[in-house]
All heavy atoms as atom14 arrays in JSON, in Angstrom:
{
  "sequence": "KLVPTWAEKLTWTGGDGSSLRVHPTGIGPLGVLACGE",
  "atom14_mask": [
    [1, 1, 1, 1, 1, 1, 1, 1, 1, 0, 0, 0, 0, 0],
    [1, 1, 1, 1, 1, 1, 1, 1, 0, 0, 0, 0, 0, 0],
    [1, 1, 1, 1, 1, 1, 1, 0, 0, 0, 0, 0, 0, 0],
    [1, 1, 1, 1, 1, 1, 1, 0, 0, 0, 0, 0, 0, 0],
    [1, 1, 1, 1, 1, 1, 1, 0, 0, 0, 0, 0, 0, 0],
    [1, 1, 1, 1, 1, 1, 1, 1, 1, 1, 1, 1, 1, 1],
    [1, 1, 1, 1, 1, 0, 0, 0, 0, 0, 0, 0, 0, 0],
    [1, 1, 1, 1, 1, 1, 1, 1, 1, 0, 0, 0, 0, 0],
    [1, 1, 1, 1, 1, 1, 1, 1, 1, 0, 0, 0, 0, 0],
    [1, 1, 1, 1, 1, 1, 1, 1, 0, 0, 0, 0, 0, 0],
    [1, 1, 1, 1, 1, 1, 1, 0, 0, 0, 0, 0, 0, 0],
    [1, 1, 1, 1, 1, 1, 1, 1, 1, 1, 1, 1, 1, 1],
    [1, 1, 1, 1, 1, 1, 1, 0, 0, 0, 0, 0, 0, 0],
    [1, 1, 1, 1, 0, 0, 0, 0, 0, 0, 0, 0, 0, 0],
    [1, 1, 1, 1, 0, 0, 0, 0, 0, 0, 0, 0, 0, 0],
    [1, 1, 1, 1, 1, 1, 1, 1, 0, 0, 0, 0, 0, 0],
    [1, 1, 1, 1, 0, 0, 0, 0, 0, 0, 0, 0, 0, 0],
    [1, 1, 1, 1, 1, 1, 0, 0, 0, 0, 0, 0, 0, 0],
    [1, 1, 1, 1, 1, 1, 0, 0, 0, 0, 0, 0, 0, 0],
    [1, 1, 1, 1, 1, 1, 1, 1, 0, 0, 0, 0, 0, 0],
    [1, 1, 1, 1, 1, 1, 1, 1, 1, 1, 1, 0, 0, 0],
    [1, 1, 1, 1, 1, 1, 1, 0, 0, 0, 0, 0, 0, 0],
    [1, 1, 1, 1, 1, 1, 1, 1, 1, 1, 0, 0, 0, 0],
    [1, 1, 1, 1, 1, 1, 1, 0, 0, 0, 0, 0, 0, 0],
    [1, 1, 1, 1, 1, 1, 1, 0, 0, 0, 0, 0, 0, 0],
    [1, 1, 1, 1, 0, 0, 0, 0, 0, 0, 0, 0, 0, 0],
    [1, 1, 1, 1, 1, 1, 1, 1, 0, 0, 0, 0, 0, 0],
    [1, 1, 1, 1, 0, 0, 0, 0, 0, 0, 0, 0, 0, 0],
    [1, 1, 1, 1, 1, 1, 1, 0, 0, 0, 0, 0, 0, 0],
    [1, 1, 1, 1, 1, 1, 1, 1, 0, 0, 0, 0, 0, 0],
    [1, 1, 1, 1, 0, 0, 0, 0, 0, 0, 0, 0, 0, 0],
    [1, 1, 1, 1, 1, 1, 1, 0, 0, 0, 0, 0, 0, 0],
    [1, 1, 1, 1, 1, 1, 1, 1, 0, 0, 0, 0, 0, 0],
    [1, 1, 1, 1, 1, 0, 0, 0, 0, 0, 0, 0, 0, 0],
    [1, 1, 1, 1, 1, 1, 0, 0, 0, 0, 0, 0, 0, 0],
    [1, 1, 1, 1, 0, 0, 0, 0, 0, 0, 0, 0, 0, 0],
    [1, 1, 1, 1, 1, 1, 1, 1, 1, 0, 0, 0, 0, 0]
  ],
  "atom14_positions": [
    [[-62.96, -31.54, -72.5], [-64.16, -30.83, -72.92], [-64.52, -29.77, -71.84], [-64.6, -30.1, -70.64], [-65.31, -31.79, -73.04], [-66.57, -31.19, -73.64], [-67.6, -32.42, -73.88], [-68.82, -31.89, -74.6], [-69.81, -33.0, -74.87], [0.0, 0.0, 0.0], [0.0, 0.0, 0.0], [0.0, 0.0, 0.0], [0.0, 0.0, 0.0], [0.0, 0.0, 0.0]],
    [[-64.74, -28.54, -72.28], [-64.88, -27.49, -71.33], [-66.14, -27.58, -70.52], [-66.19, -27.31, -69.28], [-64.86, -26.09, -72.04], [-63.55, -25.77, -72.79], [-63.7, -24.49, -73.56], [-62.36, -25.75, -71.83], [0.0, 0.0, 0.0], [0.0, 0.0, 0.0], [0.0, 0.0, 0.0], [0.0, 0.0, 0.0], [0.0, 0.0, 0.0], [0.0, 0.0, 0.0]],
    [[-67.27, -27.91, -71.18], [-68.58, -27.97, -70.52], [-69.25, -29.25, -70.97], [-69.68, -29.38, -72.11], [-69.45, -26.73, -70.86], [-70.83, -26.81, -70.09], [-68.73, -25.41, -70.59], [0.0, 0.0, 0.0], [0.0, 0.0, 0.0], [0.0, 0.0, 0.0], [0.0, 0.0, 0.0], [0.0, 0.0, 0.0], [0.0, 0.0, 0.0], [0.0, 0.0, 0.0]],
    [[-69.43, -30.17, -70.07], [-70.25, -31.37, -70.45], [-71.67, -30.91, -70.69], [-72.22, -30.0, -70.03], [-70.16, -32.28, -69.1], [-68.94, -31.72, -68.46], [-68.82, -30.29, -68.71], [0.0, 0.0, 0.0], [0.0, 0.0, 0.0], [0.0, 0.0, 0.0], [0.0, 0.0, 0.0], [0.0, 0.0, 0.0], [0.0, 0.0, 0.0], [0.0, 0.0, 0.0]],
    [[-72.3, -31.59, -71.67], [-73.62, -31.16, -72.15], [-74.71, -31.88, -71.47], [-74.77, -33.13, -71.4], [-73.71, -31.4, -73.72], [-72.55, -30.82, -74.35], [-74.99, -30.95, -74.24], [0.0, 0.0, 0.0], [0.0, 0.0, 0.0], [0.0, 0.0, 0.0], [0.0, 0.0, 0.0], [0.0, 0.0, 0.0], [0.0, 0.0, 0.0], [0.0, 0.0, 0.0]],
    [[-75.63, -31.07, -70.9], [-76.82, -31.59, -70.36], [-76.63, -32.73, -69.35], [-76.07, -32.51, -68.36], [-77.78, -31.97, -71.47], [-79.23, -31.94, -71.3], [-79.84, -31.85, -70.06], [-80.31, -32.1, -72.22], [-81.23, -31.85, -70.2], [-81.52, -32.04, -71.5], [-80.31, -32.21, -73.58], [-82.74, -32.08, -72.14], [-81.56, -32.3, -74.27], [-82.74, -32.18, -73.6]],
    [[-77.13, -33.91, -69.68], [-77.03, -35.03, -68.74], [-75.57, -35.49, -68.52], [-75.3, -36.23, -67.59], [-77.83, -36.2, -69.3], [0.0, 0.0, 0.0], [0.0, 0.0, 0.0], [0.0, 0.0, 0.0], [0.0, 0.0, 0.0], [0.0, 0.0, 0.0], [0.0, 0.0, 0.0], [0.0, 0.0, 0.0], [0.0, 0.0, 0.0], [0.0, 0.0, 0.0]],
    [[-74.65, -35.08, -69.41], [-73.26, -35.48, -69.21], [-72.58, -34.93, -67.94], [-71.53, -35.43, -67.54], [-72.46, -34.95, -70.45], [-72.85, -35.57, -71.82], [-72.15, -35.0, -72.98], [-71.46, -34.04, -72.84], [-72.44, -35.48, -74.13], [0.0, 0.0, 0.0], [0.0, 0.0, 0.0], [0.0, 0.0, 0.0], [0.0, 0.0, 0.0], [0.0, 0.0, 0.0]],
    [[-73.25, -33.89, -67.38], [-72.7, -33.32, -66.17], [-72.73, -34.33, -64.96], [-72.07, -34.13, -63.99], [-73.51, -32.05, -65.77], [-73.31, -30.89, -66.78], [-74.06, -29.72, -66.42], [-73.88, -28.51, -67.32], [-74.28, -28.74, -68.69], [0.0, 0.0, 0.0], [0.0, 0.0, 0.0], [0.0, 0.0, 0.0], [0.0, 0.0, 0.0], [0.0, 0.0, 0.0]],
    [[-73.49, -35.44, -65.12], [-73.51, -36.42, -64.09], [-72.21, -37.26, -64.2], [-71.92, -38.05, -63.26], [-74.71, -37.36, -64.35], [-76.09, -36.77, -63.98], [-77.18, -37.62, -64.46], [-76.21, -36.52, -62.5], [0.0, 0.0, 0.0], [0.0, 0.0, 0.0], [0.0, 0.0, 0.0], [0.0, 0.0, 0.0], [0.0, 0.0, 0.0], [0.0, 0.0, 0.0]],
    [[-71.43, -37.16, -65.23], [-70.25, -38.03, -65.41], [-68.97, -37.24, -65.43], [-67.99, -37.6, -64.71], [-70.42, -38.82, -66.71], [-71.5, -39.75, -66.62], [-69.14, -39.59, -66.99], [0.0, 0.0, 0.0], [0.0, 0.0, 0.0], [0.0, 0.0, 0.0], [0.0, 0.0, 0.0], [0.0, 0.0, 0.0], [0.0, 0.0, 0.0], [0.0, 0.0, 0.0]],
    [[-68.92, -36.16, -66.24], [-67.61, -35.54, -66.51], [-67.42, -34.27, -65.72], [-68.29, -33.4, -65.5], [-67.5, -35.32, -67.98], [-67.4, -36.54, -68.83], [-66.66, -37.67, -68.56], [-68.13, -36.84, -69.99], [-66.87, -38.59, -69.5], [-67.77, -38.11, -70.42], [-69.02, -36.1, -70.75], [-68.29, -38.73, -71.59], [-69.53, -36.68, -71.95], [-69.17, -37.99, -72.29]],
    [[-66.1, -34.01, -65.37], [-65.61, -32.78, -64.82], [-65.15, -31.89, -66.0], [-64.6, -32.42, -66.96], [-64.39, -33.0, -63.94], [-64.86, -33.78, -62.78], [-63.82, -31.73, -63.41], [0.0, 0.0, 0.0], [0.0, 0.0, 0.0], [0.0, 0.0, 0.0], [0.0, 0.0, 0.0], [0.0, 0.0, 0.0], [0.0, 0.0, 0.0], [0.0, 0.0, 0.0]],
    [[-65.44, -30.62, -65.98], [-65.06, -29.72, -67.07], [-63.57, -29.45, -67.16], [-62.85, -29.43, -66.08], [0.0, 0.0, 0.0], [0.0, 0.0, 0.0], [0.0, 0.0, 0.0], [0.0, 0.0, 0.0], [0.0, 0.0, 0.0], [0.0, 0.0, 0.0], [0.0, 0.0, 0.0], [0.0, 0.0, 0.0], [0.0, 0.0, 0.0], [0.0, 0.0, 0.0]],
    [[-63.02, -29.2, -68.28], [-61.63, -28.86, -68.47], [-61.38, -27.43, -68.27], [-62.25, -26.66, -67.79], [0.0, 0.0, 0.0], [0.0, 0.0, 0.0], [0.0, 0.0, 0.0], [0.0, 0.0, 0.0], [0.0, 0.0, 0.0], [0.0, 0.0, 0.0], [0.0, 0.0, 0.0], [0.0, 0.0, 0.0], [0.0, 0.0, 0.0], [0.0, 0.0, 0.0]],
    [[-60.24, -26.94, -68.69], [-59.85, -25.49, -68.52], [-59.25, -25.02, -69.9], [-59.15, -25.74, -70.84], [-58.87, -25.24, -67.41], [-57.59, -26.01, -67.61], [-57.04, -26.11, -68.67], [-57.05, -26.54, -66.55], [0.0, 0.0, 0.0], [0.0, 0.0, 0.0], [0.0, 0.0, 0.0], [0.0, 0.0, 0.0], [0.0, 0.0, 0.0], [0.0, 0.0, 0.0]],
    [[-58.97, -23.71, -69.96], [-58.64, -23.04, -71.17], [-57.25, -23.39, -71.63], [-56.87, -22.97, -72.75], [0.0, 0.0, 0.0], [0.0, 0.0, 0.0], [0.0, 0.0, 0.0], [0.0, 0.0, 0.0], [0.0, 0.0, 0.0], [0.0, 0.0, 0.0], [0.0, 0.0, 0.0], [0.0, 0.0, 0.0], [0.0, 0.0, 0.0], [0.0, 0.0, 0.0]],
    [[-56.47, -24.06, -70.79], [-55.03, -24.38, -71.24], [-54.96, -25.24, -72.45], [-53.89, -25.26, -73.11], [-54.33, -24.96, -70.02], [-54.83, -26.25, -69.74], [0.0, 0.0, 0.0], [0.0, 0.0, 0.0], [0.0, 0.0, 0.0], [0.0, 0.0, 0.0], [0.0, 0.0, 0.0], [0.0, 0.0, 0.0], [0.0, 0.0, 0.0], [0.0, 0.0, 0.0]],
    [[-55.98, -26.03, -72.78], [-55.89, -26.96, -73.91], [-56.58, -26.47, -75.21], [-56.67, -27.19, -76.13], [-56.53, -28.27, -73.42], [-57.95, -28.15, -73.21], [0.0, 0.0, 0.0], [0.0, 0.0, 0.0], [0.0, 0.0, 0.0], [0.0, 0.0, 0.0], [0.0, 0.0, 0.0], [0.0, 0.0, 0.0], [0.0, 0.0, 0.0], [0.0, 0.0, 0.0]],
    [[-57.04, -25.18, -75.15], [-57.58, -24.57, -76.34], [-56.42, -24.07, -77.2], [-56.19, -22.91, -77.39], [-58.53, -23.4, -76.01], [-59.99, -23.83, -75.56], [-60.68, -22.54, -75.16], [-60.73, -24.53, -76.73], [0.0, 0.0, 0.0], [0.0, 0.0, 0.0], [0.0, 0.0, 0.0], [0.0, 0.0, 0.0], [0.0, 0.0, 0.0], [0.0, 0.0, 0.0]],
    [[-55.71, -25.02, -77.87], [-54.51, -24.73, -78.58], [-54.55, -25.38, -79.97], [-55.14, -26.47, -80.12], [-53.28, -25.23, -77.84], [-52.96, -24.42, -76.58], [-51.73, -24.93, -75.84], [-51.43, -24.07, -74.72], [-50.48, -23.08, -74.76], [-49.85, -22.85, -75.85], [-50.26, -22.31, -73.71], [0.0, 0.0, 0.0], [0.0, 0.0, 0.0], [0.0, 0.0, 0.0]],
    [[-53.95, -24.63, -80.87], [-53.8, -25.24, -82.25], [-52.39, -25.82, -82.34], [-51.44, -25.15, -81.9], [-54.02, -24.14, -83.31], [-53.68, -24.65, -84.72], [-55.5, -23.66, -83.25], [0.0, 0.0, 0.0], [0.0, 0.0, 0.0], [0.0, 0.0, 0.0], [0.0, 0.0, 0.0], [0.0, 0.0, 0.0], [0.0, 0.0, 0.0], [0.0, 0.0, 0.0]],
    [[-52.27, -26.98, -82.9], [-51.02, -27.74, -82.92], [-50.38, -27.75, -84.3], [-51.02, -28.06, -85.31], [-51.22, -29.2, -82.46], [-51.87, -29.23, -81.09], [-51.3, -28.91, -79.93], [-53.14, -29.64, -80.8], [-52.1, -29.1, -78.96], [-53.29, -29.53, -79.48], [0.0, 0.0, 0.0], [0.0, 0.0, 0.0], [0.0, 0.0, 0.0], [0.0, 0.0, 0.0]],
    [[-49.11, -27.33, -84.36], [-48.43, -27.41, -85.65], [-48.15, -28.86, -85.97], [-47.54, -29.61, -85.17], [-47.13, -26.6, -85.47], [-46.89, -26.75, -83.99], [-48.22, -26.81, -83.26], [0.0, 0.0, 0.0], [0.0, 0.0, 0.0], [0.0, 0.0, 0.0], [0.0, 0.0, 0.0], [0.0, 0.0, 0.0], [0.0, 0.0, 0.0], [0.0, 0.0, 0.0]],
    [[-48.6, -29.39, -87.12], [-48.33, -30.74, -87.56], [-47.9, -30.76, -88.99], [-47.99, -29.73, -89.72], [-49.61, -31.63, -87.36], [-50.57, -31.25, -88.4], [-50.22, -31.45, -85.96], [0.0, 0.0, 0.0], [0.0, 0.0, 0.0], [0.0, 0.0, 0.0], [0.0, 0.0, 0.0], [0.0, 0.0, 0.0], [0.0, 0.0, 0.0], [0.0, 0.0, 0.0]],
    [[-47.51, -31.94, -89.39], [-47.1, -32.08, -90.88], [-48.23, -31.86, -91.83], [-47.97, -31.59, -93.01], [0.0, 0.0, 0.0], [0.0, 0.0, 0.0], [0.0, 0.0, 0.0], [0.0, 0.0, 0.0], [0.0, 0.0, 0.0], [0.0, 0.0, 0.0], [0.0, 0.0, 0.0], [0.0, 0.0, 0.0], [0.0, 0.0, 0.0], [0.0, 0.0, 0.0]],
    [[-49.48, -31.98, -91.35], [-50.62, -31.83, -92.28], [-51.2, -30.34, -92.05], [-52.29, -30.1, -92.67], [-51.73, -32.89, -92.1], [-52.13, -33.1, -90.58], [-51.13, -34.2, -92.6], [-53.25, -32.3, -90.16], [0.0, 0.0, 0.0], [0.0, 0.0, 0.0], [0.0, 0.0, 0.0], [0.0, 0.0, 0.0], [0.0, 0.0, 0.0], [0.0, 0.0, 0.0]],
    [[-50.58, -29.55, -91.28], [-51.05, -28.2, -91.05], [-51.46, -27.89, -89.71], [-51.49, -28.78, -88.78], [0.0, 0.0, 0.0], [0.0, 0.0, 0.0], [0.0, 0.0, 0.0], [0.0, 0.0, 0.0], [0.0, 0.0, 0.0], [0.0, 0.0, 0.0], [0.0, 0.0, 0.0], [0.0, 0.0, 0.0], [0.0, 0.0, 0.0], [0.0, 0.0, 0.0]],
    [[-51.85, -26.62, -89.38], [-52.28, -26.24, -88.04], [-53.63, -26.9, -87.67], [-54.61, -26.71, -88.38], [-52.39, -24.7, -88.14], [-51.63, -24.3, -89.33], [-51.81, -25.49, -90.28], [0.0, 0.0, 0.0], [0.0, 0.0, 0.0], [0.0, 0.0, 0.0], [0.0, 0.0, 0.0], [0.0, 0.0, 0.0], [0.0, 0.0, 0.0], [0.0, 0.0, 0.0]],
    [[-53.65, -27.69, -86.67], [-54.73, -28.61, -86.3], [-55.38, -28.16, -84.98], [-54.68, -28.11, -83.97], [-54.24, -30.01, -86.25], [-55.27, -31.1, -85.77], [-56.39, -31.25, -86.74], [-54.52, -32.44, -85.56], [0.0, 0.0, 0.0], [0.0, 0.0, 0.0], [0.0, 0.0, 0.0], [0.0, 0.0, 0.0], [0.0, 0.0, 0.0], [0.0, 0.0, 0.0]],
    [[-56.7, -27.99, -84.98], [-57.4, -27.76, -83.72], [-58.49, -28.82, -83.53], [-58.91, -29.46, -84.44], [0.0, 0.0, 0.0], [0.0, 0.0, 0.0], [0.0, 0.0, 0.0], [0.0, 0.0, 0.0], [0.0, 0.0, 0.0], [0.0, 0.0, 0.0], [0.0, 0.0, 0.0], [0.0, 0.0, 0.0], [0.0, 0.0, 0.0], [0.0, 0.0, 0.0]],
    [[-58.91, -29.01, -82.27], [-59.78, -30.11, -81.91], [-60.78, -29.59, -80.89], [-60.53, -28.89, -79.95], [-58.96, -31.23, -81.22], [-59.83, -32.34, -80.64], [-57.98, -31.83, -82.16], [0.0, 0.0, 0.0], [0.0, 0.0, 0.0], [0.0, 0.0, 0.0], [0.0, 0.0, 0.0], [0.0, 0.0, 0.0], [0.0, 0.0, 0.0], [0.0, 0.0, 0.0]],
    [[-62.08, -30.0, -81.15], [-63.18, -29.79, -80.17], [-64.07, -31.04, -80.12], [-64.15, -31.78, -81.04], [-64.03, -28.56, -80.55], [-63.36, -27.17, -80.42], [-64.33, -26.08, -80.92], [-62.95, -26.85, -79.02], [0.0, 0.0, 0.0], [0.0, 0.0, 0.0], [0.0, 0.0, 0.0], [0.0, 0.0, 0.0], [0.0, 0.0, 0.0], [0.0, 0.0, 0.0]],
    [[-64.79, -31.15, -78.98], [-65.55, -32.36, -78.73], [-67.04, -31.97, -78.78], [-67.44, -31.05, -78.01], [-65.23, -33.0, -77.39], [0.0, 0.0, 0.0], [0.0, 0.0, 0.0], [0.0, 0.0, 0.0], [0.0, 0.0, 0.0], [0.0, 0.0, 0.0], [0.0, 0.0, 0.0], [0.0, 0.0, 0.0], [0.0, 0.0, 0.0], [0.0, 0.0, 0.0]],
    [[-67.78, -32.57, -79.65], [-69.22, -32.52, -79.74], [-69.83, -31.15, -79.59], [-69.62, -30.24, -80.38], [-69.82, -33.54, -78.69], [-71.5, -34.03, -79.0], [0.0, 0.0, 0.0], [0.0, 0.0, 0.0], [0.0, 0.0, 0.0], [0.0, 0.0, 0.0], [0.0, 0.0, 0.0], [0.0, 0.0, 0.0], [0.0, 0.0, 0.0], [0.0, 0.0, 0.0]],
    [[-70.54, -30.87, -78.45], [-71.2, -29.59, -78.24], [-70.32, -28.37, -78.27], [-70.84, -27.31, -78.39], [0.0, 0.0, 0.0], [0.0, 0.0, 0.0], [0.0, 0.0, 0.0], [0.0, 0.0, 0.0], [0.0, 0.0, 0.0], [0.0, 0.0, 0.0], [0.0, 0.0, 0.0], [0.0, 0.0, 0.0], [0.0, 0.0, 0.0], [0.0, 0.0, 0.0]],
    [[-69.03, -28.64, -78.0], [-68.1, -27.48, -78.06], [-68.12, -26.86, -79.39], [-67.76, -25.66, -79.58], [-66.69, -27.86, -77.71], [-66.5, -28.36, -76.29], [-65.06, -28.63, -75.96], [-64.44, -29.4, -76.77], [-64.58, -28.11, -74.95], [0.0, 0.0, 0.0], [0.0, 0.0, 0.0], [0.0, 0.0, 0.0], [0.0, 0.0, 0.0], [0.0, 0.0, 0.0]]
  ]
}
C-alpha cells in the first residue's frame, strides 16, 4: 500500500511504485489496490 490512511500511519511503512503492475493471468489482466488506494 502506497500511503497508509490516517491512523494507519502509526503501523505501516509505505510501498513504492514498483508494484503498480497489472498481471497477465488466465482470467485476464488483473490489477490490485488496497482500501483507500
